[in-house]
mmCIF file of all heavy atoms, coordinates in Angstrom:
data_MODEL
# 
_entry.id   MODEL 
# 
loop_
_atom_site.group_PDB 
_atom_site.id 
_atom_site.type_symbol 
_atom_site.label_atom_id 
_atom_site.label_alt_id 
_atom_site.label_comp_id 
_atom_site.label_asym_id 
_atom_site.label_entity_id 
_atom_site.label_seq_id 
_atom_site.pdbx_PDB_ins_code 
_atom_site.Cartn_x 
_atom_site.Cartn_y 
_atom_site.Cartn_z 
_atom_site.occupancy 
_atom_site.B_iso_or_equiv 
_atom_site.pdbx_formal_charge 
_atom_site.auth_seq_id 
_atom_site.auth_comp_id 
_atom_site.auth_asym_id 
_atom_site.auth_atom_id 
_atom_site.pdbx_PDB_model_num 
ATOM 1   N N   . GLY A 1 1  ? 94.257  96.136  101.537 1.00 0.00 ? 1  GLY A N   1 
ATOM 2   C CA  . GLY A 1 1  ? 93.636  96.826  100.486 1.00 0.00 ? 1  GLY A CA  1 
ATOM 3   C C   . GLY A 1 1  ? 93.999  96.205  99.043  1.00 0.00 ? 1  GLY A C   1 
ATOM 4   O O   . GLY A 1 1  ? 95.024  95.670  99.022  1.00 0.00 ? 1  GLY A O   1 
ATOM 5   N N   . PHE A 1 2  ? 92.972  96.259  98.152  1.00 0.00 ? 2  PHE A N   1 
ATOM 6   C CA  . PHE A 1 2  ? 93.391  95.832  96.774  1.00 0.00 ? 2  PHE A CA  1 
ATOM 7   C C   . PHE A 1 2  ? 92.440  96.552  95.740  1.00 0.00 ? 2  PHE A C   1 
ATOM 8   O O   . PHE A 1 2  ? 91.280  96.239  95.581  1.00 0.00 ? 2  PHE A O   1 
ATOM 9   C CB  . PHE A 1 2  ? 93.032  94.250  96.651  1.00 0.00 ? 2  PHE A CB  1 
ATOM 10  C CG  . PHE A 1 2  ? 93.548  93.636  95.316  1.00 0.00 ? 2  PHE A CG  1 
ATOM 11  C CD1 . PHE A 1 2  ? 94.827  93.371  95.167  1.00 0.00 ? 2  PHE A CD1 1 
ATOM 12  C CD2 . PHE A 1 2  ? 92.587  93.466  94.278  1.00 0.00 ? 2  PHE A CD2 1 
ATOM 13  C CE1 . PHE A 1 2  ? 95.317  92.795  94.009  1.00 0.00 ? 2  PHE A CE1 1 
ATOM 14  C CE2 . PHE A 1 2  ? 93.039  92.878  93.152  1.00 0.00 ? 2  PHE A CE2 1 
ATOM 15  C CZ  . PHE A 1 2  ? 94.450  92.602  92.953  1.00 0.00 ? 2  PHE A CZ  1 
ATOM 16  N N   . LYS A 1 3  ? 93.124  97.492  95.099  1.00 0.00 ? 3  LYS A N   1 
ATOM 17  C CA  . LYS A 1 3  ? 92.529  98.225  94.021  1.00 0.00 ? 3  LYS A CA  1 
ATOM 18  C C   . LYS A 1 3  ? 93.634  98.533  92.930  1.00 0.00 ? 3  LYS A C   1 
ATOM 19  O O   . LYS A 1 3  ? 94.310  99.457  93.056  1.00 0.00 ? 3  LYS A O   1 
ATOM 20  C CB  . LYS A 1 3  ? 91.952  99.557  94.447  1.00 0.00 ? 3  LYS A CB  1 
ATOM 21  C CG  . LYS A 1 3  ? 91.248  100.353 93.469  1.00 0.00 ? 3  LYS A CG  1 
ATOM 22  C CD  . LYS A 1 3  ? 89.964  99.610  92.985  1.00 0.00 ? 3  LYS A CD  1 
ATOM 23  C CE  . LYS A 1 3  ? 89.191  100.402 91.998  1.00 0.00 ? 3  LYS A CE  1 
ATOM 24  N NZ  . LYS A 1 3  ? 87.850  99.698  91.720  1.00 0.00 ? 3  LYS A NZ  1 
ATOM 25  N N   . PRO A 1 4  ? 93.830  97.522  91.954  1.00 0.00 ? 4  PRO A N   1 
ATOM 26  C CA  . PRO A 1 4  ? 94.911  97.865  90.947  1.00 0.00 ? 4  PRO A CA  1 
ATOM 27  C C   . PRO A 1 4  ? 94.806  99.038  90.324  1.00 0.00 ? 4  PRO A C   1 
ATOM 28  O O   . PRO A 1 4  ? 93.700  99.546  90.062  1.00 0.00 ? 4  PRO A O   1 
ATOM 29  C CB  . PRO A 1 4  ? 94.569  96.637  89.964  1.00 0.00 ? 4  PRO A CB  1 
ATOM 30  C CG  . PRO A 1 4  ? 93.882  95.571  90.847  1.00 0.00 ? 4  PRO A CG  1 
ATOM 31  C CD  . PRO A 1 4  ? 93.039  96.269  91.727  1.00 0.00 ? 4  PRO A CD  1 
ATOM 32  N N   . GLY A 1 5  ? 95.982  99.696  90.153  1.00 0.00 ? 5  GLY A N   1 
ATOM 33  C CA  . GLY A 1 5  ? 96.106  100.985 89.525  1.00 0.00 ? 5  GLY A CA  1 
ATOM 34  C C   . GLY A 1 5  ? 96.122  102.108 90.592  1.00 0.00 ? 5  GLY A C   1 
ATOM 35  O O   . GLY A 1 5  ? 96.478  103.313 90.258  1.00 0.00 ? 5  GLY A O   1 
ATOM 36  N N   . LYS A 1 6  ? 95.740  101.741 91.785  1.00 0.00 ? 6  LYS A N   1 
ATOM 37  C CA  . LYS A 1 6  ? 95.668  102.806 92.869  1.00 0.00 ? 6  LYS A CA  1 
ATOM 38  C C   . LYS A 1 6  ? 96.432  102.377 94.096  1.00 0.00 ? 6  LYS A C   1 
ATOM 39  O O   . LYS A 1 6  ? 97.373  103.061 94.461  1.00 0.00 ? 6  LYS A O   1 
ATOM 40  C CB  . LYS A 1 6  ? 94.231  103.047 93.251  1.00 0.00 ? 6  LYS A CB  1 
ATOM 41  C CG  . LYS A 1 6  ? 93.492  103.700 92.123  1.00 0.00 ? 6  LYS A CG  1 
ATOM 42  C CD  . LYS A 1 6  ? 92.082  104.292 92.553  1.00 0.00 ? 6  LYS A CD  1 
ATOM 43  C CE  . LYS A 1 6  ? 91.382  105.068 91.483  1.00 0.00 ? 6  LYS A CE  1 
ATOM 44  N NZ  . LYS A 1 6  ? 90.044  105.605 91.829  1.00 0.00 ? 6  LYS A NZ  1 
ATOM 45  N N   . LEU A 1 7  ? 95.909  101.229 94.671  1.00 0.00 ? 7  LEU A N   1 
ATOM 46  C CA  . LEU A 1 7  ? 96.666  100.841 95.982  1.00 0.00 ? 7  LEU A CA  1 
ATOM 47  C C   . LEU A 1 7  ? 96.461  99.322  96.182  1.00 0.00 ? 7  LEU A C   1 
ATOM 48  O O   . LEU A 1 7  ? 95.423  98.748  95.936  1.00 0.00 ? 7  LEU A O   1 
ATOM 49  C CB  . LEU A 1 7  ? 96.047  101.534 97.266  1.00 0.00 ? 7  LEU A CB  1 
ATOM 50  C CG  . LEU A 1 7  ? 96.590  101.229 98.570  1.00 0.00 ? 7  LEU A CG  1 
ATOM 51  C CD1 . LEU A 1 7  ? 96.365  102.303 99.489  1.00 0.00 ? 7  LEU A CD1 1 
ATOM 52  C CD2 . LEU A 1 7  ? 95.829  99.889  99.182  1.00 0.00 ? 7  LEU A CD2 1 
ATOM 53  N N   . ILE A 1 8  ? 97.664  98.682  96.445  1.00 0.00 ? 8  ILE A N   1 
ATOM 54  C CA  . ILE A 1 8  ? 97.609  97.129  96.682  1.00 0.00 ? 8  ILE A CA  1 
ATOM 55  C C   . ILE A 1 8  ? 98.298  96.938  98.003  1.00 0.00 ? 8  ILE A C   1 
ATOM 56  O O   . ILE A 1 8  ? 99.484  97.467  98.225  1.00 0.00 ? 8  ILE A O   1 
ATOM 57  C CB  . ILE A 1 8  ? 98.223  96.352  95.538  1.00 0.00 ? 8  ILE A CB  1 
ATOM 58  C CG1 . ILE A 1 8  ? 97.404  96.525  94.305  1.00 0.00 ? 8  ILE A CG1 1 
ATOM 59  C CG2 . ILE A 1 8  ? 98.462  94.893  95.985  1.00 0.00 ? 8  ILE A CG2 1 
ATOM 60  C CD1 . ILE A 1 8  ? 97.965  95.711  93.048  1.00 0.00 ? 8  ILE A CD1 1 
ATOM 61  N N   . GLY A 1 9  ? 97.712  96.344  98.927  1.00 0.00 ? 9  GLY A N   1 
ATOM 62  C CA  . GLY A 1 9  ? 98.265  96.033  100.274 1.00 0.00 ? 9  GLY A CA  1 
ATOM 63  C C   . GLY A 1 9  ? 99.285  94.855  100.286 1.00 0.00 ? 9  GLY A C   1 
ATOM 64  O O   . GLY A 1 9  ? 99.219  94.053  99.327  1.00 0.00 ? 9  GLY A O   1 
ATOM 65  N N   . THR A 1 10 ? 100.004 94.781  101.334 1.00 0.00 ? 10 THR A N   1 
ATOM 66  C CA  . THR A 1 10 ? 101.015 93.740  101.505 1.00 0.00 ? 10 THR A CA  1 
ATOM 67  C C   . THR A 1 10 ? 100.422 92.382  101.499 1.00 0.00 ? 10 THR A C   1 
ATOM 68  O O   . THR A 1 10 ? 100.963 91.422  100.916 1.00 0.00 ? 10 THR A O   1 
ATOM 69  C CB  . THR A 1 10 ? 101.929 94.024  102.609 1.00 0.00 ? 10 THR A CB  1 
ATOM 70  O OG1 . THR A 1 10 ? 101.059 94.136  103.845 1.00 0.00 ? 10 THR A OG1 1 
ATOM 71  C CG2 . THR A 1 10 ? 102.811 95.206  102.513 1.00 0.00 ? 10 THR A CG2 1 
ATOM 72  N N   . ALA A 1 11 ? 99.346  92.239  102.173 1.00 0.00 ? 11 ALA A N   1 
ATOM 73  C CA  . ALA A 1 11 ? 98.799  90.912  102.522 1.00 0.00 ? 11 ALA A CA  1 
ATOM 74  C C   . ALA A 1 11 ? 97.294  90.865  101.940 1.00 0.00 ? 11 ALA A C   1 
ATOM 75  O O   . ALA A 1 11 ? 96.379  90.465  102.636 1.00 0.00 ? 11 ALA A O   1 
ATOM 76  C CB  . ALA A 1 11 ? 98.810  90.534  104.032 1.00 0.00 ? 11 ALA A CB  1 
ATOM 77  N N   . TYR A 1 12 ? 97.007  91.363  100.727 1.00 0.00 ? 12 TYR A N   1 
ATOM 78  C CA  . TYR A 1 12 ? 95.669  91.236  100.147 1.00 0.00 ? 12 TYR A CA  1 
ATOM 79  C C   . TYR A 1 12 ? 95.455  89.657  99.968  1.00 0.00 ? 12 TYR A C   1 
ATOM 80  O O   . TYR A 1 12 ? 96.260  88.914  99.927  1.00 0.00 ? 12 TYR A O   1 
ATOM 81  C CB  . TYR A 1 12 ? 95.563  91.930  98.826  1.00 0.00 ? 12 TYR A CB  1 
ATOM 82  C CG  . TYR A 1 12 ? 96.408  91.275  97.692  1.00 0.00 ? 12 TYR A CG  1 
ATOM 83  C CD1 . TYR A 1 12 ? 95.809  90.389  96.842  1.00 0.00 ? 12 TYR A CD1 1 
ATOM 84  C CD2 . TYR A 1 12 ? 97.738  91.522  97.529  1.00 0.00 ? 12 TYR A CD2 1 
ATOM 85  C CE1 . TYR A 1 12 ? 96.538  89.708  95.836  1.00 0.00 ? 12 TYR A CE1 1 
ATOM 86  C CE2 . TYR A 1 12 ? 98.455  90.917  96.528  1.00 0.00 ? 12 TYR A CE2 1 
ATOM 87  C CZ  . TYR A 1 12 ? 97.766  90.062  95.571  1.00 0.00 ? 12 TYR A CZ  1 
ATOM 88  O OH  . TYR A 1 12 ? 98.491  89.436  94.624  1.00 0.00 ? 12 TYR A OH  1 
ATOM 89  N N   . ARG A 1 13 ? 94.052  89.322  100.122 1.00 0.00 ? 13 ARG A N   1 
ATOM 90  C CA  . ARG A 1 13 ? 93.613  87.990  100.032 1.00 0.00 ? 13 ARG A CA  1 
ATOM 91  C C   . ARG A 1 13 ? 93.732  87.237  101.358 1.00 0.00 ? 13 ARG A C   1 
ATOM 92  O O   . ARG A 1 13 ? 93.327  86.060  101.486 1.00 0.00 ? 13 ARG A O   1 
ATOM 93  C CB  . ARG A 1 13 ? 94.268  87.162  98.980  1.00 0.00 ? 13 ARG A CB  1 
ATOM 94  C CG  . ARG A 1 13 ? 93.805  87.639  97.510  1.00 0.00 ? 13 ARG A CG  1 
ATOM 95  C CD  . ARG A 1 13 ? 94.426  86.659  96.497  1.00 0.00 ? 13 ARG A CD  1 
ATOM 96  N NE  . ARG A 1 13 ? 94.150  87.176  95.143  1.00 0.00 ? 13 ARG A NE  1 
ATOM 97  C CZ  . ARG A 1 13 ? 94.756  86.824  94.056  1.00 0.00 ? 13 ARG A CZ  1 
ATOM 98  N NH1 . ARG A 1 13 ? 95.751  85.934  94.081  1.00 0.00 ? 13 ARG A NH1 1 
ATOM 99  N NH2 . ARG A 1 13 ? 94.326  87.266  92.881  1.00 0.00 ? 13 ARG A NH2 1 
ATOM 100 N N   . ALA A 1 14 ? 94.205  87.913  102.368 1.00 0.00 ? 14 ALA A N   1 
ATOM 101 C CA  . ALA A 1 14 ? 94.180  87.184  103.850 1.00 0.00 ? 14 ALA A CA  1 
ATOM 102 C C   . ALA A 1 14 ? 92.690  87.374  104.299 1.00 0.00 ? 14 ALA A C   1 
ATOM 103 O O   . ALA A 1 14 ? 91.986  88.206  103.783 1.00 0.00 ? 14 ALA A O   1 
ATOM 104 C CB  . ALA A 1 14 ? 95.195  87.968  104.718 1.00 0.00 ? 14 ALA A CB  1 
ATOM 105 N N   . ASN A 1 15 ? 92.459  86.731  105.383 1.00 0.00 ? 15 ASN A N   1 
ATOM 106 C CA  . ASN A 1 15 ? 91.269  86.830  106.153 1.00 0.00 ? 15 ASN A CA  1 
ATOM 107 C C   . ASN A 1 15 ? 91.509  87.733  107.339 1.00 0.00 ? 15 ASN A C   1 
ATOM 108 O O   . ASN A 1 15 ? 92.650  87.642  107.956 1.00 0.00 ? 15 ASN A O   1 
ATOM 109 C CB  . ASN A 1 15 ? 90.700  85.490  106.638 1.00 0.00 ? 15 ASN A CB  1 
ATOM 110 C CG  . ASN A 1 15 ? 90.330  84.568  105.395 1.00 0.00 ? 15 ASN A CG  1 
ATOM 111 O OD1 . ASN A 1 15 ? 89.563  85.039  104.535 1.00 0.00 ? 15 ASN A OD1 1 
ATOM 112 N ND2 . ASN A 1 15 ? 90.650  83.308  105.594 1.00 0.00 ? 15 ASN A ND2 1 
ATOM 113 N N   . TYR A 1 16 ? 90.559  88.496  107.690 1.00 0.00 ? 16 TYR A N   1 
ATOM 114 C CA  . TYR A 1 16 ? 90.733  89.636  108.691 1.00 0.00 ? 16 TYR A CA  1 
ATOM 115 C C   . TYR A 1 16 ? 89.823  89.521  109.834 1.00 0.00 ? 16 TYR A C   1 
ATOM 116 O O   . TYR A 1 16 ? 88.622  89.397  109.664 1.00 0.00 ? 16 TYR A O   1 
ATOM 117 C CB  . TYR A 1 16 ? 90.732  90.983  108.110 1.00 0.00 ? 16 TYR A CB  1 
ATOM 118 C CG  . TYR A 1 16 ? 91.985  91.230  107.201 1.00 0.00 ? 16 TYR A CG  1 
ATOM 119 C CD1 . TYR A 1 16 ? 92.026  90.920  105.849 1.00 0.00 ? 16 TYR A CD1 1 
ATOM 120 C CD2 . TYR A 1 16 ? 93.090  91.709  107.756 1.00 0.00 ? 16 TYR A CD2 1 
ATOM 121 C CE1 . TYR A 1 16 ? 93.274  91.067  105.048 1.00 0.00 ? 16 TYR A CE1 1 
ATOM 122 C CE2 . TYR A 1 16 ? 94.312  91.962  107.043 1.00 0.00 ? 16 TYR A CE2 1 
ATOM 123 C CZ  . TYR A 1 16 ? 94.419  91.665  105.720 1.00 0.00 ? 16 TYR A CZ  1 
ATOM 124 O OH  . TYR A 1 16 ? 95.427  91.823  104.964 1.00 0.00 ? 16 TYR A OH  1 
ATOM 125 N N   . LEU A 1 17 ? 90.317  89.776  111.032 1.00 0.00 ? 17 LEU A N   1 
ATOM 126 C CA  . LEU A 1 17 ? 89.436  90.167  112.140 1.00 0.00 ? 17 LEU A CA  1 
ATOM 127 C C   . LEU A 1 17 ? 89.804  91.717  112.438 1.00 0.00 ? 17 LEU A C   1 
ATOM 128 O O   . LEU A 1 17 ? 91.002  92.142  112.339 1.00 0.00 ? 17 LEU A O   1 
ATOM 129 C CB  . LEU A 1 17 ? 89.915  89.465  113.459 1.00 0.00 ? 17 LEU A CB  1 
ATOM 130 C CG  . LEU A 1 17 ? 89.385  88.079  113.610 1.00 0.00 ? 17 LEU A CG  1 
ATOM 131 C CD1 . LEU A 1 17 ? 89.885  87.409  115.009 1.00 0.00 ? 17 LEU A CD1 1 
ATOM 132 C CD2 . LEU A 1 17 ? 87.982  87.767  113.420 1.00 0.00 ? 17 LEU A CD2 1 
ATOM 133 N N   . LEU A 1 18 ? 88.862  92.498  112.795 1.00 0.00 ? 18 LEU A N   1 
ATOM 134 C CA  . LEU A 1 18 ? 89.038  93.901  113.048 1.00 0.00 ? 18 LEU A CA  1 
ATOM 135 C C   . LEU A 1 18 ? 88.632  94.251  114.473 1.00 0.00 ? 18 LEU A C   1 
ATOM 136 O O   . LEU A 1 18 ? 87.464  94.028  114.747 1.00 0.00 ? 18 LEU A O   1 
ATOM 137 C CB  . LEU A 1 18 ? 88.256  94.752  111.951 1.00 0.00 ? 18 LEU A CB  1 
ATOM 138 C CG  . LEU A 1 18 ? 88.576  94.530  110.497 1.00 0.00 ? 18 LEU A CG  1 
ATOM 139 C CD1 . LEU A 1 18 ? 87.758  95.538  109.640 1.00 0.00 ? 18 LEU A CD1 1 
ATOM 140 C CD2 . LEU A 1 18 ? 90.109  94.656  110.201 1.00 0.00 ? 18 LEU A CD2 1 
ATOM 141 N N   . ALA A 1 19 ? 89.549  94.791  115.250 1.00 0.00 ? 19 ALA A N   1 
ATOM 142 C CA  . ALA A 1 19 ? 89.357  94.998  116.572 1.00 0.00 ? 19 ALA A CA  1 
ATOM 143 C C   . ALA A 1 19 ? 89.520  96.471  116.930 1.00 0.00 ? 19 ALA A C   1 
ATOM 144 O O   . ALA A 1 19 ? 90.658  96.979  116.656 1.00 0.00 ? 19 ALA A O   1 
ATOM 145 C CB  . ALA A 1 19 ? 90.169  94.214  117.530 1.00 0.00 ? 19 ALA A CB  1 
ATOM 146 N N   . LYS A 1 20 ? 88.589  97.249  117.396 1.00 0.00 ? 20 LYS A N   1 
ATOM 147 C CA  . LYS A 1 20 ? 88.726  98.565  117.848 1.00 0.00 ? 20 LYS A CA  1 
ATOM 148 C C   . LYS A 1 20 ? 89.071  98.501  119.299 1.00 0.00 ? 20 LYS A C   1 
ATOM 149 O O   . LYS A 1 20 ? 88.458  98.197  120.155 1.00 0.00 ? 20 LYS A O   1 
ATOM 150 C CB  . LYS A 1 20 ? 87.412  99.359  117.699 1.00 0.00 ? 20 LYS A CB  1 
ATOM 151 C CG  . LYS A 1 20 ? 87.507  100.812 118.081 1.00 0.00 ? 20 LYS A CG  1 
ATOM 152 C CD  . LYS A 1 20 ? 86.170  101.600 117.642 1.00 0.00 ? 20 LYS A CD  1 
ATOM 153 C CE  . LYS A 1 20 ? 86.250  102.976 118.215 1.00 0.00 ? 20 LYS A CE  1 
ATOM 154 N NZ  . LYS A 1 20 ? 84.987  103.768 117.945 1.00 0.00 ? 20 LYS A NZ  1 
ATOM 155 N N   . THR A 1 21 ? 90.403  98.905  119.499 1.00 0.00 ? 21 THR A N   1 
ATOM 156 C CA  . THR A 1 21 ? 90.976  98.889  120.844 1.00 0.00 ? 21 THR A CA  1 
ATOM 157 C C   . THR A 1 21 ? 91.366  100.239 121.397 1.00 0.00 ? 21 THR A C   1 
ATOM 158 O O   . THR A 1 21 ? 91.817  100.349 122.569 1.00 0.00 ? 21 THR A O   1 
ATOM 159 C CB  . THR A 1 21 ? 92.131  97.963  121.018 1.00 0.00 ? 21 THR A CB  1 
ATOM 160 O OG1 . THR A 1 21 ? 93.167  98.483  120.148 1.00 0.00 ? 21 THR A OG1 1 
ATOM 161 C CG2 . THR A 1 21 ? 91.754  96.577  120.470 1.00 0.00 ? 21 THR A CG2 1 
ATOM 162 N N   . GLU A 1 22 ? 91.339  101.290 120.527 1.00 0.00 ? 22 GLU A N   1 
ATOM 163 C CA  . GLU A 1 22 ? 91.969  102.596 120.975 1.00 0.00 ? 22 GLU A CA  1 
ATOM 164 C C   . GLU A 1 22 ? 90.796  103.611 121.103 1.00 0.00 ? 22 GLU A C   1 
ATOM 165 O O   . GLU A 1 22 ? 90.055  103.771 120.104 1.00 0.00 ? 22 GLU A O   1 
ATOM 166 C CB  . GLU A 1 22 ? 92.924  103.038 119.888 1.00 0.00 ? 22 GLU A CB  1 
ATOM 167 C CG  . GLU A 1 22 ? 93.363  104.435 120.041 1.00 0.00 ? 22 GLU A CG  1 
ATOM 168 C CD  . GLU A 1 22 ? 94.351  104.760 121.242 1.00 0.00 ? 22 GLU A CD  1 
ATOM 169 O OE1 . GLU A 1 22 ? 94.637  103.810 121.964 1.00 0.00 ? 22 GLU A OE1 1 
ATOM 170 O OE2 . GLU A 1 22 ? 94.647  105.949 121.480 1.00 0.00 ? 22 GLU A OE2 1 
ATOM 171 N N   . ASN A 1 23 ? 90.680  104.239 122.204 1.00 0.00 ? 23 ASN A N   1 
ATOM 172 C CA  . ASN A 1 23 ? 89.769  105.400 122.295 1.00 0.00 ? 23 ASN A CA  1 
ATOM 173 C C   . ASN A 1 23 ? 90.532  106.705 122.059 1.00 0.00 ? 23 ASN A C   1 
ATOM 174 O O   . ASN A 1 23 ? 91.428  107.065 122.760 1.00 0.00 ? 23 ASN A O   1 
ATOM 175 C CB  . ASN A 1 23 ? 89.318  105.461 123.791 1.00 0.00 ? 23 ASN A CB  1 
ATOM 176 C CG  . ASN A 1 23 ? 88.229  106.542 124.025 1.00 0.00 ? 23 ASN A CG  1 
ATOM 177 O OD1 . ASN A 1 23 ? 87.922  107.364 123.120 1.00 0.00 ? 23 ASN A OD1 1 
ATOM 178 N ND2 . ASN A 1 23 ? 87.858  106.742 125.254 1.00 0.00 ? 23 ASN A ND2 1 
ATOM 179 N N   . THR A 1 24 ? 90.201  107.292 120.859 1.00 0.00 ? 24 THR A N   1 
ATOM 180 C CA  . THR A 1 24 ? 90.912  108.477 120.416 1.00 0.00 ? 24 THR A CA  1 
ATOM 181 C C   . THR A 1 24 ? 90.399  109.790 121.105 1.00 0.00 ? 24 THR A C   1 
ATOM 182 O O   . THR A 1 24 ? 91.105  110.813 120.965 1.00 0.00 ? 24 THR A O   1 
ATOM 183 C CB  . THR A 1 24 ? 90.751  108.654 118.899 1.00 0.00 ? 24 THR A CB  1 
ATOM 184 O OG1 . THR A 1 24 ? 89.317  108.792 118.624 1.00 0.00 ? 24 THR A OG1 1 
ATOM 185 C CG2 . THR A 1 24 ? 91.332  107.513 118.200 1.00 0.00 ? 24 THR A CG2 1 
# 
C-alpha cells in the first residue's frame, strides 16, 4: 500500500502477483 499521511507499506513500488488460495 501507498497513501502518504495514512498508510505506507514495506515494499511499495514492487510488482505483484495476487493468488487466492484460501477458501474461507
